[in-house]
C-alpha atoms as a PDB file:
ATOM      1  CA  THR A   1      78.133  89.366 -19.166  1.00  0.00           C
ATOM      2  CA  ILE A   2      75.009  90.483 -20.768  1.00  0.00           C
ATOM      3  CA  ALA A   3      73.995  87.526 -20.798  1.00  0.00           C
ATOM      4  CA  THR A   4      73.906  86.689 -17.706  1.00  0.00           C
ATOM      5  CA  GLN A   5      72.676  90.035 -16.548  1.00  0.00           C
ATOM      6  CA  LYS A   6      69.350  88.979 -18.626  1.00  0.00           C
ATOM      7  CA  VAL A   7      68.775  86.432 -16.231  1.00  0.00           C
ATOM      8  CA  TYR A   8      69.239  88.204 -12.924  1.00  0.00           C
ATOM      9  CA  ASP A   9      67.219  91.569 -14.714  1.00  0.00           C
ATOM     10  CA  ALA A  10      63.964  88.479 -15.577  1.00  0.00           C
ATOM     11  CA  VAL A  11      64.427  86.995 -12.067  1.00  0.00           C
ATOM     12  CA  GLU A  12      63.776  90.738 -10.439  1.00  0.00           C
ATOM     13  CA  ALA A  13      61.113  91.532 -13.316  1.00  0.00           C
ATOM     14  CA  LEU A  14      58.774  89.320 -11.907  1.00  0.00           C
ATOM     15  CA  GLU A  15      55.973  90.198  -9.793  1.00  0.00           C
ATOM     16  CA  GLU A  16      55.725  88.937  -5.845  1.00  0.00           C
ATOM     17  CA  ASN A  17      54.599  85.096  -5.567  1.00  0.00           C
ATOM     18  CA  SER A  18      55.250  84.278  -9.296  1.00  0.00           C
ATOM     19  CA  LYS A  19      55.132  80.991  -9.983  1.00  0.00           C
ATOM     20  CA  VAL A  20      58.504  79.563 -11.375  1.00  0.00           C
ATOM     21  CA  LEU A  21      59.228  76.849 -12.992  1.00  0.00           C
ATOM     22  CA  ILE A  22      62.618  75.129 -12.797  1.00  0.00           C
ATOM     23  CA  SER A  23      63.742  71.943 -14.485  1.00  0.00           C
ATOM     24  CA  PHE A  24      66.540  70.478 -13.710  1.00  0.00           C
ATOM     25  CA  GLU A  25      68.107  68.384 -16.338  1.00  0.00           C
ATOM     26  CA  TYR A  26      71.685  67.181 -15.562  1.00  0.00           C
ATOM     27  CA  GLY A  27      73.927  65.420 -13.935  1.00  0.00           C
ATOM     28  CA  PRO A  28      76.723  64.473 -11.238  1.00  0.00           C
ATOM     29  CA  SER A  29      79.009  64.782 -14.443  1.00  0.00           C
ATOM     30  CA  THR A  30      77.560  67.977 -15.092  1.00  0.00           C
ATOM     31  CA  LYS A  31      77.125  69.007 -11.629  1.00  0.00           C
ATOM     32  CA  PRO A  32      80.082  71.294 -10.785  1.00  0.00           C
ATOM     33  CA  GLU A  33      79.017  73.663 -14.188  1.00  0.00           C
ATOM     34  CA  ILE A  34      75.327  73.708 -13.276  1.00  0.00           C
ATOM     35  CA  HIS A  35      74.823  72.951  -9.838  1.00  0.00           C
ATOM     36  CA  PRO A  36      75.632  76.322  -8.569  1.00  0.00           C
ATOM     37  CA  MET A  37      73.677  78.661 -10.892  1.00  0.00           C
ATOM     38  CA  ALA A  38      70.809  76.276  -9.942  1.00  0.00           C
ATOM     39  CA  ILE A  39      71.504  76.939  -5.881  1.00  0.00           C
ATOM     40  CA  GLY A  40      72.123  80.726  -6.956  1.00  0.00           C
ATOM     41  CA  LEU A  41      68.602  80.985  -8.725  1.00  0.00           C
ATOM     42  CA  LEU A  42      66.896  79.729  -5.986  1.00  0.00           C
ATOM     43  CA  LYS A  43      68.522  82.104  -3.332  1.00  0.00           C
ATOM     44  CA  HIS A  44      67.322  84.617  -5.756  1.00  0.00           C
ATOM     45  CA  LEU A  45      63.589  83.427  -6.007  1.00  0.00           C
ATOM     46  CA  PHE A  46      63.383  82.658  -2.492  1.00  0.00           C
ATOM     47  CA  THR A  47      64.532  85.926  -1.169  1.00  0.00           C
ATOM     48  CA  LYS A  48      62.051  87.814  -3.706  1.00  0.00           C
ATOM     49  CA  GLY A  49      59.128  85.076  -2.078  1.00  0.00           C
ATOM     50  CA  HIS A  50      58.305  83.681  -5.513  1.00  0.00           C
ATOM     51  CA  LYS A  51      57.204  79.960  -5.629  1.00  0.00           C
ATOM     52  CA  VAL A  52      58.903  77.013  -7.117  1.00  0.00           C
ATOM     53  CA  TYR A  53      58.108  74.737  -9.035  1.00  0.00           C
ATOM     54  CA  VAL A  54      60.036  71.866  -9.725  1.00  0.00           C
ATOM     55  CA  THR A  55      60.847  69.747 -12.378  1.00  0.00           C
ATOM     56  CA  CYS A  56      62.935  66.703 -13.818  1.00  0.00           C
ATOM     57  CA  LEU A  57      63.540  66.015 -17.752  1.00  0.00           C
ATOM     58  CA  TRP A  58      66.160  63.637 -17.108  1.00  0.00           C
ATOM     59  CA  PRO A  59      66.401  60.737 -13.882  1.00  0.00           C
ATOM     60  CA  ASP A  60      69.950  62.341 -12.172  1.00  0.00           C
ATOM     61  CA  GLY A  61      68.098  65.793 -12.270  1.00  0.00           C
ATOM     62  CA  GLN A  62      65.773  65.059  -9.053  1.00  0.00           C
ATOM     63  CA  PHE A  63      68.469  64.213  -7.236  1.00  0.00           C
ATOM     64  CA  MET A  64      70.385  67.094  -7.535  1.00  0.00           C
ATOM     65  CA  ALA A  65      67.409  69.002  -7.123  1.00  0.00           C
ATOM     66  CA  ASN A  66      67.083  67.536  -3.724  1.00  0.00           C
ATOM     67  CA  GLU A  67      70.213  67.786  -3.144  1.00  0.00           C
ATOM     68  CA  ALA A  68      69.759  71.823  -3.910  1.00  0.00           C
ATOM     69  CA  LEU A  69      66.946  72.760  -1.962  1.00  0.00           C
ATOM     70  CA  GLU A  70      68.432  70.851   1.159  1.00  0.00           C
ATOM     71  CA  GLU A  71      71.416  73.084   1.167  1.00  0.00           C
ATOM     72  CA  ILE A  72      68.117  75.950   0.525  1.00  0.00           C
ATOM     73  CA  GLU A  73      66.298  74.134   3.784  1.00  0.00           C
ATOM     74  CA  GLU A  74      69.658  74.451   6.080  1.00  0.00           C
ATOM     75  CA  GLU A  75      69.992  78.008   5.558  1.00  0.00           C
ATOM     76  CA  GLU A  76      67.870  79.790   8.345  1.00  0.00           C
ATOM     77  CA  GLU A  77      66.947  83.197   6.697  1.00  0.00           C
ATOM     78  CA  PHE A  78      64.354  81.190   4.541  1.00  0.00           C
ATOM     79  CA  ASN A  79      62.275  79.417   6.957  1.00  0.00           C
ATOM     80  CA  LEU A  80      60.308  77.672   3.698  1.00  0.00           C
ATOM     81  CA  THR A  81      57.907  74.926   4.001  1.00  0.00           C
ATOM     82  CA  TYR A  82      57.471  72.326   1.508  1.00  0.00           C
ATOM     83  CA  GLY A  83      54.214  71.961  -0.407  1.00  0.00           C
ATOM     84  CA  GLU A  84      53.867  75.902   0.164  1.00  0.00           C
ATOM     85  CA  ASP A  85      56.730  77.436  -0.684  1.00  0.00           C
ATOM     86  CA  TYR A  86      58.097  75.000  -3.297  1.00  0.00           C
ATOM     87  CA  VAL A  87      56.958  71.759  -4.583  1.00  0.00           C
ATOM     88  CA  ILE A  88      58.757  69.354  -6.361  1.00  0.00           C
ATOM     89  CA  LEU A  89      57.203  67.560  -8.983  1.00  0.00           C
ATOM     90  CA  GLY A  90      59.979  64.824 -10.255  1.00  0.00           C
ATOM     91  CA  PHE A  91      61.039  62.792 -13.032  1.00  0.00           C
ATOM     92  CA  ARG A  92      58.835  61.740 -15.738  1.00  0.00           C
ATOM     93  CA  PRO A  93      60.432  60.026 -18.600  1.00  0.00           C
ATOM     94  CA  GLY A  94      59.489  60.770 -22.694  1.00  0.00           C
ATOM     95  CA  ASN A  95      61.827  63.480 -23.538  1.00  0.00           C
ATOM     96  CA  GLU A  96      60.496  66.013 -25.106  1.00  0.00           C
ATOM     97  CA  ALA A  97      56.523  64.346 -24.152  1.00  0.00           C
ATOM     98  CA  VAL A  98      56.824  65.213 -20.845  1.00  0.00           C
ATOM     99  CA  VAL A  99      56.773  68.965 -22.297  1.00  0.00           C
ATOM    100  CA  LYS A 100      54.297  68.908 -24.568  1.00  0.00           C
ATOM    101  CA  GLY A 101      51.968  67.306 -21.699  1.00  0.00           C
ATOM    102  CA  MET A 102      53.083  70.128 -19.397  1.00  0.00           C
ATOM    103  CA  VAL A 103      51.659  72.210 -21.460  1.00  0.00           C
ATOM    104  CA  SER A 104      48.474  70.568 -22.029  1.00  0.00           C
ATOM    105  CA  ASN A 105      47.586  69.341 -18.439  1.00  0.00           C
ATOM    106  CA  ILE A 106      50.038  68.970 -15.698  1.00  0.00           C
ATOM    107  CA  ARG A 107      47.644  66.998 -13.813  1.00  0.00           C
ATOM    108  CA  LYS A 108      47.263  64.445 -15.757  1.00  0.00           C
ATOM    109  CA  LEU A 109      51.380  63.877 -15.999  1.00  0.00           C
ATOM    110  CA  TYR A 110      51.564  64.772 -12.401  1.00  0.00           C
ATOM    111  CA  THR A 111      48.631  63.219 -10.434  1.00  0.00           C
ATOM    112  CA  THR A 112      50.948  62.845  -7.380  1.00  0.00           C
ATOM    113  CA  ASP A 113      54.303  64.414  -6.782  1.00  0.00           C
ATOM    114  CA  TYR A 114      57.926  62.687  -5.894  1.00  0.00           C
ATOM    115  CA  LEU A 115      56.924  61.816  -2.122  1.00  0.00           C
ATOM    116  CA  LYS A 116      53.684  60.070  -3.445  1.00  0.00           C
ATOM    117  CA  THR A 117      51.549  62.877  -2.161  1.00  0.00           C
ATOM    118  CA  PRO A 118      48.236  63.683  -4.138  1.00  0.00           C
ATOM    119  CA  ILE A 119      48.580  66.922  -5.992  1.00  0.00           C
ATOM    120  CA  ASP A 120      44.998  67.949  -5.191  1.00  0.00           C
ATOM    121  CA  ASP A 121      46.336  68.007  -1.124  1.00  0.00           C
ATOM    122  CA  ILE A 122      49.422  69.955  -2.044  1.00  0.00           C
ATOM    123  CA  PRO A 123      48.105  74.132  -1.177  1.00  0.00           C
ATOM    124  CA  LEU A 124      50.992  74.991  -3.762  1.00  0.00           C
ATOM    125  CA  MET A 125      49.026  73.404  -7.132  1.00  0.00           C
ATOM    126  CA  LYS A 126      45.842  75.256  -6.585  1.00  0.00           C
ATOM    127  CA  ASN A 127      44.945  76.716 -10.169  1.00  0.00           C
ATOM    128  CA  VAL A 128      48.053  75.526 -11.646  1.00  0.00           C
ATOM    129  CA  ASN A 129      47.162  73.009 -14.473  1.00  0.00           C
ATOM    130  CA  LYS A 130      49.088  73.882 -16.875  1.00  0.00           C
ATOM    131  CA  VAL A 131      52.278  75.721 -18.057  1.00  0.00           C
ATOM    132  CA  ALA A 132      50.760  78.867 -19.360  1.00  0.00           C
ATOM    133  CA  ASP A 133      49.525  79.080 -15.436  1.00  0.00           C
ATOM    134  CA  PHE A 134      53.606  79.524 -14.486  1.00  0.00           C
ATOM    135  CA  ASP A 135      55.006  82.992 -14.963  1.00  0.00           C
ATOM    136  CA  PHE A 136      58.452  82.082 -15.412  1.00  0.00           C
ATOM    137  CA  ILE A 137      60.468  78.734 -16.688  1.00  0.00           C
ATOM    138  CA  PHE A 138      64.421  78.568 -16.365  1.00  0.00           C
ATOM    139  CA  SER A 139      66.272  75.874 -17.415  1.00  0.00           C
ATOM    140  CA  ALA A 140      68.850  74.107 -15.750  1.00  0.00           C
ATOM    141  CA  SER A 141      70.542  71.858 -18.839  1.00  0.00           C
ATOM    142  CA  ALA A 142      73.222  69.686 -19.761  1.00  0.00           C
ATOM    143  CA  GLY A 143      72.259  68.608 -22.831  1.00  0.00           C
ATOM    144  CA  TYR A 144      68.270  67.036 -24.359  1.00  0.00           C
ATOM    145  CA  PRO A 145      66.432  66.826 -22.947  1.00  0.00           C
ATOM    146  CA  GLY A 146      66.517  70.229 -22.085  1.00  0.00           C
ATOM    147  CA  THR A 147      66.365  74.195 -22.798  1.00  0.00           C
ATOM    148  CA  ILE A 148      65.577  73.827 -26.416  1.00  0.00           C
ATOM    149  CA  GLU A 149      62.582  71.456 -25.862  1.00  0.00           C
ATOM    150  CA  TRP A 150      61.354  74.259 -23.549  1.00  0.00           C
ATOM    151  CA  VAL A 151      61.745  77.171 -26.029  1.00  0.00           C
ATOM    152  CA  GLN A 152      60.139  74.840 -28.746  1.00  0.00           C
ATOM    153  CA  TYR A 153      57.500  73.244 -26.867  1.00  0.00           C
ATOM    154  CA  ALA A 154      56.562  75.462 -24.277  1.00  0.00           C
ATOM    155  CA  SER A 155      57.984  78.844 -23.728  1.00  0.00           C
ATOM    156  CA  ASP A 156      57.122  79.643 -27.911  1.00  0.00           C
ATOM    157  CA  PRO A 157      54.012  78.417 -27.840  1.00  0.00           C
ATOM    158  CA  THR A 158      52.373  79.340 -24.236  1.00  0.00           C
ATOM    159  CA  GLY A 159      54.184  83.069 -24.193  1.00  0.00           C
ATOM    160  CA  VAL A 160      55.803  82.158 -20.862  1.00  0.00           C
ATOM    161  CA  PRO A 161      59.122  83.899 -20.506  1.00  0.00           C
ATOM    162  CA  LEU A 162      62.242  81.222 -20.281  1.00  0.00           C
ATOM    163  CA  SER A 163      66.176  81.595 -18.994  1.00  0.00           C
ATOM    164  CA  THR A 164      68.340  79.008 -19.254  1.00  0.00           C
ATOM    165  CA  GLY A 165      71.835  77.637 -17.644  1.00  0.00           C
ATOM    166  CA  THR A 166      74.063  75.536 -18.848  1.00  0.00           C
ATOM    167  CA  THR A 167      77.966  74.106 -19.795  1.00  0.00           C
ATOM    168  CA  SER A 168      80.004  75.935 -21.492  1.00  0.00           C
ATOM    169  CA  ILE A 169      79.993  73.586 -24.482  1.00  0.00           C
ATOM    170  CA  MET A 170      76.120  74.504 -25.488  1.00  0.00           C
ATOM    171  CA  VAL A 171      76.614  78.122 -25.097  1.00  0.00           C
ATOM    172  CA  ASN A 172      77.102  78.207 -28.662  1.00  0.00           C
ATOM    173  CA  ASP A 173      73.655  76.482 -29.468  1.00  0.00           C
ATOM    174  CA  ILE A 174      71.606  78.498 -27.319  1.00  0.00           C
ATOM    175  CA  MET A 175      72.819  81.720 -27.904  1.00  0.00           C
ATOM    176  CA  PRO A 176      70.709  82.204 -31.415  1.00  0.00           C
ATOM    177  CA  MET A 177      67.109  81.272 -29.460  1.00  0.00           C
ATOM    178  CA  VAL A 178      69.572  84.105 -26.623  1.00  0.00           C
ATOM    179  CA  ASN A 179      70.063  86.803 -29.532  1.00  0.00           C
ATOM    180  CA  SER A 180      66.277  86.795 -30.725  1.00  0.00           C
ATOM    181  CA  GLY A 181      64.969  86.739 -27.913  1.00  0.00           C
ATOM    182  CA  GLN A 182      63.325  84.085 -27.199  1.00  0.00           C
ATOM    183  CA  VAL A 183      65.448  82.998 -24.265  1.00  0.00           C
ATOM    184  CA  GLN A 184      66.364  85.899 -21.564  1.00  0.00           C
ATOM    185  CA  GLY A 185      69.507  85.482 -20.818  1.00  0.00           C
ATOM    186  CA  ILE A 186      72.031  82.365 -19.995  1.00  0.00           C
ATOM    187  CA  LEU A 187      73.957  81.676 -16.758  1.00  0.00           C
ATOM    188  CA  ALA A 188      77.440  79.854 -19.271  1.00  0.00           C
ATOM    189  CA  GLY A 189      78.826  77.442 -17.417  1.00  0.00           C
ATOM    190  CA  MET A 190      80.665  77.828 -13.544  1.00  0.00           C
ATOM    191  CA  PRO A 191      82.031  81.800 -15.173  1.00  0.00           C
ATOM    192  CA  GLY A 192      78.088  82.482 -15.619  1.00  0.00           C
ATOM    193  CA  ALA A 193      77.552  80.681 -12.152  1.00  0.00           C
ATOM    194  CA  ALA A 194      79.851  82.734 -10.253  1.00  0.00           C
ATOM    195  CA  GLU A 195      78.609  85.963 -12.407  1.00  0.00           C
ATOM    196  CA  TYR A 196      75.461  85.464 -11.067  1.00  0.00           C
ATOM    197  CA  GLU A 197      76.257  84.816  -7.227  1.00  0.00           C
ATOM    198  CA  GLY A 198      78.244  87.896  -7.704  1.00  0.00           C
ATOM    199  CA  LEU A 199      74.676  90.104  -8.836  1.00  0.00           C
ATOM    200  CA  ILE A 200      73.140  88.558  -5.900  1.00  0.00           C
ATOM    201  CA  GLY A 201      75.620  89.348  -3.514  1.00  0.00           C
ATOM    202  CA  SER A 202      76.013  85.199  -2.479  1.00  0.00           C
ATOM    203  CA  PRO A 203      79.555  84.204  -3.499  1.00  0.00           C
ATOM    204  CA  GLY A 204      79.375  80.185  -3.144  1.00  0.00           C
ATOM    205  CA  ILE A 205      80.560  77.546  -5.249  1.00  0.00           C
ATOM    206  CA  GLY A 206      80.227  78.852  -8.261  1.00  0.00           C
ATOM    207  CA  THR A 207      82.699  81.346  -7.251  1.00  0.00           C
ATOM    208  CA  SER A 208      85.184  79.269  -5.131  1.00  0.00           C
ATOM    209  CA  GLY A 209      85.292  76.827  -8.001  1.00  0.00           C
ATOM    210  CA  MET A 210      86.407  79.950 -10.350  1.00  0.00           C
ATOM    211  CA  ASP A 211      88.779  80.678  -8.286  1.00  0.00           C
ATOM    212  CA  ALA A 212      90.467  77.121  -8.133  1.00  0.00           C
ATOM    213  CA  GLN A 213      90.265  77.399 -11.963  1.00  0.00           C
ATOM    214  CA  SER A 214      92.069  80.357 -12.059  1.00  0.00           C
ATOM    215  CA  ILE A 215      94.790  78.929 -10.550  1.00  0.00           C
ATOM    216  CA  ALA A 216      94.583  75.455 -12.381  1.00  0.00           C
ATOM    217  CA  HIS A 217      94.903  77.630 -15.887  1.00  0.00           C
ATOM    218  CA  LEU A 218      97.797  79.782 -14.125  1.00  0.00           C
ATOM    219  CA  VAL A 219     100.032  76.810 -13.404  1.00  0.00           C
ATOM    220  CA  ILE A 220      99.349  75.271 -17.016  1.00  0.00           C
ATOM    221  CA  VAL A 221     100.316  78.471 -18.373  1.00  0.00           C
ATOM    222  CA  LEU A 222     103.550  78.681 -16.062  1.00  0.00           C
ATOM    223  CA  PHE A 223     103.937  74.760 -17.490  1.00  0.00           C
ATOM    224  CA  ILE A 224     103.838  76.454 -20.680  1.00  0.00           C
ATOM    225  CA  ILE A 225     106.363  79.093 -20.310  1.00  0.00           C
ATOM    226  CA  PHE A 226     108.535  76.828 -18.365  1.00  0.00           C
ATOM    227  CA  GLY A 227     108.505  74.608 -21.451  1.00  0.00           C
ATOM    228  CA  ASN A 228     108.977  76.963 -24.138  1.00  0.00           C
ATOM    229  CA  ILE A 229     112.201  78.195 -21.882  1.00  0.00           C
ATOM    230  CA  ALA A 230     113.846  74.493 -21.838  1.00  0.00           C
ATOM    231  CA  TYR A 231     113.106  74.142 -25.332  1.00  0.00           C
ATOM    232  CA  PHE A 232     114.431  77.347 -26.310  1.00  0.00           C
ATOM    233  CA  ILE A 233     117.762  76.244 -24.185  1.00  0.00           C
ATOM    234  CA  GLU A 234     118.027  73.040 -26.140  1.00  0.00           C
ATOM    235  CA  VAL A 235     117.855  74.325 -28.674  1.00  0.00           C
ATOM    236  CA  GLN A 236     120.850  76.496 -28.762  1.00  0.00           C
ATOM    237  CA  ARG A 237     123.214  73.887 -26.817  1.00  0.00           C
ATOM    238  CA  SER A 238     122.715  71.613 -30.155  1.00  0.00           C
ATOM    239  CA  LYS A 239     123.432  74.655 -32.052  1.00  0.00           C
ATOM    240  CA  LYS A 240     127.116  74.889 -29.698  1.00  0.00           C
ATOM    241  CA  TYR A 241     127.324  71.555 -30.745  1.00  0.00           C
END
């Protein structure tokens, strides 16, 4: 779709070694929809040589981020080094207050990363003090706090471009922001993840998930057809008697 293409184009337009902030705002219940797009985005960013900074507005987001990055690290083609290619700042409580805090002073909010390493000891954090120091933001979001808060309190005030990936049920809430240009495209649920995997040339769990979903939908349609046929036959029998 056009919305998926916009996300891809936004990443492609980034200059080499850009600093990208990714916020993980989902948990196990929405993992099937959002995790594939998070992995696809990470692959795209690392393939282009960009630097990734991970924050989490949800407690479960930290586990999702670790899992996604561990999967990426297992692929030898990327040869990533923690602290130089990516850093996980981790979860901080406070919802939109965390976003506002990052806009004003990241180092006041995050004195250490999720491993309790002092921020000043992490090479990737050099000259990174606030949201305006990033070149791009991506919100992997299943609800509140999430994409809307990043738009309102970070992207709009600072001018840093933002894209998002959400559950299918959230798409209608975010599309007005996409249409207005506040959000640079949207990956809409598992179909959006599968489309993005296709664009980056790396089919993954999003693509395979769509195959399974398509089969399930076909089975449901067949059951409906058979149900209608059985009902029609039953009606004809009742008319005879």
